N, C-alpha and C. Protein backbone atom coordinates (compact mmCIF):
# COMPACT_ATOMS: atom_id res chain seq x y z
N MET A 1 -174.85 54.63 285.96
CA MET A 1 -175.33 55.91 285.47
C MET A 1 -174.68 56.21 284.12
N MET A 2 -175.43 56.93 283.30
CA MET A 2 -174.92 57.36 282.01
C MET A 2 -175.42 58.77 281.72
N PRO A 3 -174.75 59.49 280.82
CA PRO A 3 -175.19 60.86 280.54
C PRO A 3 -176.46 60.89 279.69
N LEU A 4 -177.27 61.91 279.87
CA LEU A 4 -178.50 62.08 279.12
C LEU A 4 -178.23 62.18 277.62
N SER A 5 -177.05 62.64 277.26
CA SER A 5 -176.71 62.85 275.84
C SER A 5 -176.74 61.56 275.02
N ILE A 6 -176.70 60.38 275.66
CA ILE A 6 -176.74 59.13 274.89
C ILE A 6 -178.12 58.48 274.89
N ALA A 7 -179.11 59.13 275.50
CA ALA A 7 -180.47 58.60 275.47
C ALA A 7 -181.04 58.74 274.06
N ARG A 8 -181.89 57.82 273.66
CA ARG A 8 -182.49 57.80 272.33
C ARG A 8 -183.86 58.46 272.34
N PRO A 9 -184.30 59.00 271.20
CA PRO A 9 -185.65 59.58 271.11
C PRO A 9 -186.72 58.57 271.51
N GLY A 10 -187.68 59.02 272.28
CA GLY A 10 -188.76 58.17 272.77
C GLY A 10 -188.50 57.61 274.15
N GLU A 11 -187.27 57.65 274.63
CA GLU A 11 -186.94 57.13 275.95
C GLU A 11 -187.39 58.09 277.05
N THR A 12 -187.91 57.54 278.14
CA THR A 12 -188.19 58.32 279.34
C THR A 12 -187.22 57.84 280.41
N VAL A 13 -186.48 58.78 280.99
CA VAL A 13 -185.44 58.44 281.95
C VAL A 13 -185.62 59.26 283.22
N THR A 14 -184.94 58.85 284.29
CA THR A 14 -184.99 59.55 285.56
C THR A 14 -183.62 60.15 285.85
N ILE A 15 -183.61 61.41 286.25
CA ILE A 15 -182.35 62.10 286.56
C ILE A 15 -181.82 61.60 287.90
N GLN A 16 -180.55 61.17 287.90
CA GLN A 16 -179.91 60.66 289.11
C GLN A 16 -178.96 61.68 289.74
N LYS A 17 -178.29 62.48 288.88
CA LYS A 17 -177.26 63.39 289.37
C LYS A 17 -177.01 64.45 288.31
N ILE A 18 -176.67 65.67 288.76
CA ILE A 18 -176.30 66.73 287.83
C ILE A 18 -174.91 67.22 288.23
N THR A 19 -174.00 67.19 287.27
CA THR A 19 -172.61 67.57 287.54
C THR A 19 -172.34 68.96 286.98
N GLY A 20 -171.19 69.51 287.34
CA GLY A 20 -170.79 70.80 286.83
C GLY A 20 -170.71 71.85 287.92
N LYS A 21 -170.41 73.07 287.51
CA LYS A 21 -170.30 74.18 288.45
C LYS A 21 -171.67 74.53 289.02
N ASP A 22 -171.67 75.24 290.14
CA ASP A 22 -172.92 75.63 290.79
C ASP A 22 -173.83 76.41 289.86
N GLU A 23 -173.25 77.30 289.02
CA GLU A 23 -174.08 78.11 288.12
C GLU A 23 -174.80 77.22 287.10
N VAL A 24 -174.09 76.21 286.61
CA VAL A 24 -174.68 75.30 285.62
C VAL A 24 -175.79 74.49 286.26
N ARG A 25 -175.53 73.94 287.44
CA ARG A 25 -176.55 73.15 288.13
C ARG A 25 -177.78 73.99 288.47
N GLN A 26 -177.56 75.24 288.88
CA GLN A 26 -178.67 76.14 289.20
C GLN A 26 -179.49 76.44 287.94
N HIS A 27 -178.82 76.70 286.84
CA HIS A 27 -179.51 76.99 285.57
C HIS A 27 -180.38 75.80 285.15
N LEU A 28 -179.82 74.59 285.22
CA LEU A 28 -180.58 73.40 284.85
C LEU A 28 -181.76 73.18 285.79
N ALA A 29 -181.57 73.46 287.08
CA ALA A 29 -182.66 73.31 288.04
C ALA A 29 -183.79 74.29 287.72
N GLU A 30 -183.45 75.50 287.31
CA GLU A 30 -184.46 76.49 286.95
C GLU A 30 -185.26 76.06 285.71
N LEU A 31 -184.63 75.28 284.85
CA LEU A 31 -185.31 74.76 283.67
C LEU A 31 -186.17 73.54 283.99
N GLY A 32 -186.02 72.98 285.19
CA GLY A 32 -186.81 71.82 285.60
C GLY A 32 -186.04 70.53 285.70
N PHE A 33 -184.74 70.58 285.47
CA PHE A 33 -183.91 69.37 285.56
C PHE A 33 -183.43 69.21 287.00
N VAL A 34 -184.17 68.45 287.80
CA VAL A 34 -183.83 68.22 289.19
C VAL A 34 -183.74 66.71 289.43
N VAL A 35 -182.94 66.33 290.39
CA VAL A 35 -182.74 64.91 290.70
C VAL A 35 -184.08 64.27 291.08
N GLY A 36 -184.34 63.12 290.47
CA GLY A 36 -185.56 62.38 290.75
C GLY A 36 -186.67 62.65 289.75
N SER A 37 -186.54 63.67 288.91
CA SER A 37 -187.61 63.96 287.95
C SER A 37 -187.42 63.13 286.68
N SER A 38 -188.52 62.95 285.95
CA SER A 38 -188.50 62.19 284.70
C SER A 38 -188.36 63.14 283.52
N VAL A 39 -187.61 62.68 282.53
CA VAL A 39 -187.37 63.45 281.31
C VAL A 39 -187.60 62.52 280.13
N THR A 40 -188.32 62.99 279.12
CA THR A 40 -188.53 62.21 277.90
C THR A 40 -187.77 62.87 276.75
N VAL A 41 -187.02 62.07 276.02
CA VAL A 41 -186.30 62.57 274.86
C VAL A 41 -187.29 62.59 273.69
N VAL A 42 -187.60 63.79 273.19
CA VAL A 42 -188.55 63.94 272.10
C VAL A 42 -187.86 63.72 270.76
N ASN A 43 -186.69 64.35 270.58
CA ASN A 43 -185.99 64.26 269.31
C ASN A 43 -184.52 64.59 269.51
N GLU A 44 -183.71 64.19 268.55
CA GLU A 44 -182.28 64.53 268.56
C GLU A 44 -181.94 65.10 267.19
N ILE A 45 -181.36 66.30 267.18
CA ILE A 45 -181.00 66.96 265.93
C ILE A 45 -179.53 67.38 266.03
N ALA A 46 -178.69 66.79 265.23
CA ALA A 46 -177.26 67.10 265.18
C ALA A 46 -176.61 67.03 266.56
N GLY A 47 -177.00 66.05 267.36
CA GLY A 47 -176.41 65.88 268.69
C GLY A 47 -177.10 66.66 269.78
N ASN A 48 -177.94 67.62 269.40
CA ASN A 48 -178.69 68.38 270.39
C ASN A 48 -180.01 67.69 270.68
N LEU A 49 -180.49 67.81 271.93
CA LEU A 49 -181.69 67.08 272.33
C LEU A 49 -182.86 68.02 272.56
N ILE A 50 -184.04 67.58 272.16
CA ILE A 50 -185.28 68.24 272.53
C ILE A 50 -185.92 67.34 273.57
N LEU A 51 -186.18 67.91 274.75
CA LEU A 51 -186.62 67.13 275.89
C LEU A 51 -187.97 67.61 276.41
N GLN A 52 -188.77 66.68 276.89
CA GLN A 52 -190.03 67.00 277.55
C GLN A 52 -189.78 66.91 279.05
N VAL A 53 -189.88 68.06 279.74
CA VAL A 53 -189.70 68.11 281.18
C VAL A 53 -190.96 68.70 281.77
N LYS A 54 -191.66 67.90 282.55
CA LYS A 54 -192.97 68.31 283.08
C LYS A 54 -193.86 68.70 281.90
N ASP A 55 -194.34 69.93 281.83
CA ASP A 55 -195.22 70.33 280.73
C ASP A 55 -194.50 71.19 279.69
N SER A 56 -193.18 71.18 279.68
CA SER A 56 -192.41 72.03 278.78
C SER A 56 -191.49 71.21 277.89
N ARG A 57 -191.23 71.75 276.71
CA ARG A 57 -190.21 71.17 275.83
C ARG A 57 -189.02 72.11 275.82
N ILE A 58 -187.86 71.53 276.05
CA ILE A 58 -186.62 72.31 276.18
C ILE A 58 -185.56 71.68 275.29
N ALA A 59 -184.79 72.53 274.61
CA ALA A 59 -183.68 72.05 273.79
C ALA A 59 -182.39 72.26 274.56
N LEU A 60 -181.56 71.23 274.61
CA LEU A 60 -180.25 71.31 275.25
C LEU A 60 -179.17 70.87 274.27
N ASP A 61 -178.03 71.53 274.32
CA ASP A 61 -176.93 71.08 273.48
C ASP A 61 -176.27 69.86 274.15
N ARG A 62 -175.44 69.19 273.39
CA ARG A 62 -174.81 67.96 273.88
C ARG A 62 -173.98 68.19 275.15
N GLY A 63 -173.33 69.35 275.24
CA GLY A 63 -172.50 69.65 276.41
C GLY A 63 -173.30 69.70 277.70
N LEU A 64 -174.43 70.40 277.68
CA LEU A 64 -175.27 70.46 278.88
C LEU A 64 -175.92 69.11 279.16
N ALA A 65 -176.37 68.43 278.12
CA ALA A 65 -177.01 67.13 278.31
C ALA A 65 -176.05 66.12 278.91
N SER A 66 -174.76 66.25 278.62
CA SER A 66 -173.79 65.29 279.16
C SER A 66 -173.55 65.53 280.66
N ARG A 67 -173.96 66.66 281.19
CA ARG A 67 -173.81 66.93 282.63
C ARG A 67 -174.95 66.32 283.45
N ILE A 68 -176.01 65.87 282.78
CA ILE A 68 -177.15 65.27 283.47
C ILE A 68 -177.00 63.76 283.40
N MET A 69 -176.85 63.14 284.56
CA MET A 69 -176.67 61.70 284.64
C MET A 69 -178.02 61.02 284.88
N ILE A 70 -178.28 59.96 284.13
CA ILE A 70 -179.58 59.29 284.19
C ILE A 70 -179.40 57.81 284.51
N ALA A 71 -180.54 57.18 284.82
CA ALA A 71 -180.55 55.72 285.03
C ALA A 71 -181.61 55.11 284.14
């Protein structure tokens, strides 16, 4: 497993695990980041990621992206 923060633009990955406090995990789940779902990296700007999750595009900073473990 590796953190989502090192994925490259254009990659589609599957979420394996989400780390952090309960509030952080709950917040990410509300945004659509749940174990087993696919995420596509649309772009990276200054270390921050723009992600395609289901039918939405969401921007995450490097800190939150590093809490999402992918395969």
